[in-house]
Amino acid sequence: MADFGTEINLRRRRLLMKQKDLADALGLGQSVVSAYEKGISKPSFEGFMNLCAILKCEPTDLCAEELQAARLTHT
């Protein structure tokens, strides 16, 4: 299970996309995608859903580690 940024990076690379390709698909600059992957920033909800669609994954696929951590703190 990888963190959010690492998961974006892994899924992007599996689709043979460069950061610029993903950024263009999202209508953002490459530096924004880089910031997502480095954990410096996170997308808006709409951006997150677009990211999931482009990366062909479910929202829970990108944030599994965060969800697991939240479950552990609330048990």
Protein backbone atom coordinates (compact mmCIF):
# COMPACT_ATOMS: atom_id res chain seq x y z
CA MET A 1 0.00 0.00 0.00
CA ALA A 2 1.54 3.30 -1.11
CA ASP A 3 0.82 6.85 -0.05
CA PHE A 4 -1.30 9.12 -2.26
CA GLY A 5 1.55 10.69 -4.24
CA THR A 6 3.38 7.42 -4.78
CA GLU A 7 0.16 5.77 -5.90
CA ILE A 8 -0.41 8.50 -8.50
CA ASN A 9 3.14 8.04 -9.75
CA LEU A 10 2.83 4.25 -9.98
CA ARG A 11 -0.51 4.32 -11.76
CA ARG A 12 0.64 7.05 -14.16
CA ARG A 13 3.73 5.06 -15.09
CA ARG A 14 1.71 1.85 -15.56
CA LEU A 15 -0.28 3.75 -18.18
CA LEU A 16 3.03 4.86 -19.79
CA MET A 17 2.19 8.50 -19.11
CA LYS A 18 4.66 11.23 -18.35
CA GLN A 19 3.83 13.89 -15.79
CA LYS A 20 3.22 16.29 -18.68
CA ASP A 21 0.72 13.86 -20.25
CA LEU A 22 -1.22 13.61 -17.00
CA ALA A 23 -1.02 17.35 -16.44
CA ASP A 24 -2.36 18.04 -19.93
CA ALA A 25 -5.22 15.59 -19.41
CA LEU A 26 -6.09 17.35 -16.14
CA GLY A 27 -5.69 20.83 -17.63
CA LEU A 28 -2.90 21.63 -15.17
CA GLY A 29 0.79 22.39 -15.27
CA GLN A 30 3.37 19.65 -14.90
CA SER A 31 4.56 21.25 -11.66
CA VAL A 32 1.13 20.61 -10.10
CA VAL A 33 1.29 16.89 -10.92
CA SER A 34 4.83 16.83 -9.55
CA ALA A 35 3.57 18.45 -6.34
CA TYR A 36 0.83 15.81 -6.04
CA GLU A 37 3.35 13.01 -6.46
CA LYS A 38 5.74 14.55 -3.92
CA GLY A 39 2.94 15.02 -1.39
CA ILE A 40 3.33 18.80 -1.42
CA SER A 41 -0.26 19.42 -2.45
CA LYS A 42 -3.48 17.54 -3.12
CA PRO A 43 -6.16 18.11 -5.75
CA SER A 44 -9.61 19.54 -5.15
CA PHE A 45 -12.43 17.01 -4.97
CA GLU A 46 -13.26 17.58 -8.65
CA GLY A 47 -9.59 17.28 -9.55
CA PHE A 48 -9.32 14.10 -7.51
CA MET A 49 -12.26 12.53 -9.34
CA ASN A 50 -10.80 13.56 -12.71
CA LEU A 51 -7.47 12.07 -11.65
CA CYS A 52 -9.17 8.77 -10.84
CA ALA A 53 -10.91 8.73 -14.21
CA ILE A 54 -7.71 9.45 -16.13
CA LEU A 55 -5.71 6.90 -14.13
CA LYS A 56 -8.54 4.37 -14.55
CA CYS A 57 -8.92 3.62 -10.86
CA GLU A 58 -11.36 3.94 -8.00
CA PRO A 59 -10.97 6.78 -5.48
CA THR A 60 -10.13 4.27 -2.76
CA ASP A 61 -7.24 2.97 -4.87
CA LEU A 62 -5.44 6.29 -4.59
CA CYS A 63 -5.98 6.87 -0.90
CA ALA A 64 -5.95 3.36 0.58
CA GLU A 65 -3.10 4.17 2.98
CA GLU A 66 -4.85 7.28 4.28
CA LEU A 67 -8.11 5.36 4.72
CA GLN A 68 -6.34 2.61 6.63
CA ALA A 69 -4.67 5.16 8.92
CA ALA A 70 -8.03 6.83 9.57
CA ARG A 71 -9.59 3.47 10.47
CA LEU A 72 -6.82 2.72 12.92
CA THR A 73 -7.20 6.06 14.70
CA HIS A 74 -10.96 5.62 15.05
CA THR A 75 -11.02 2.11 16.49
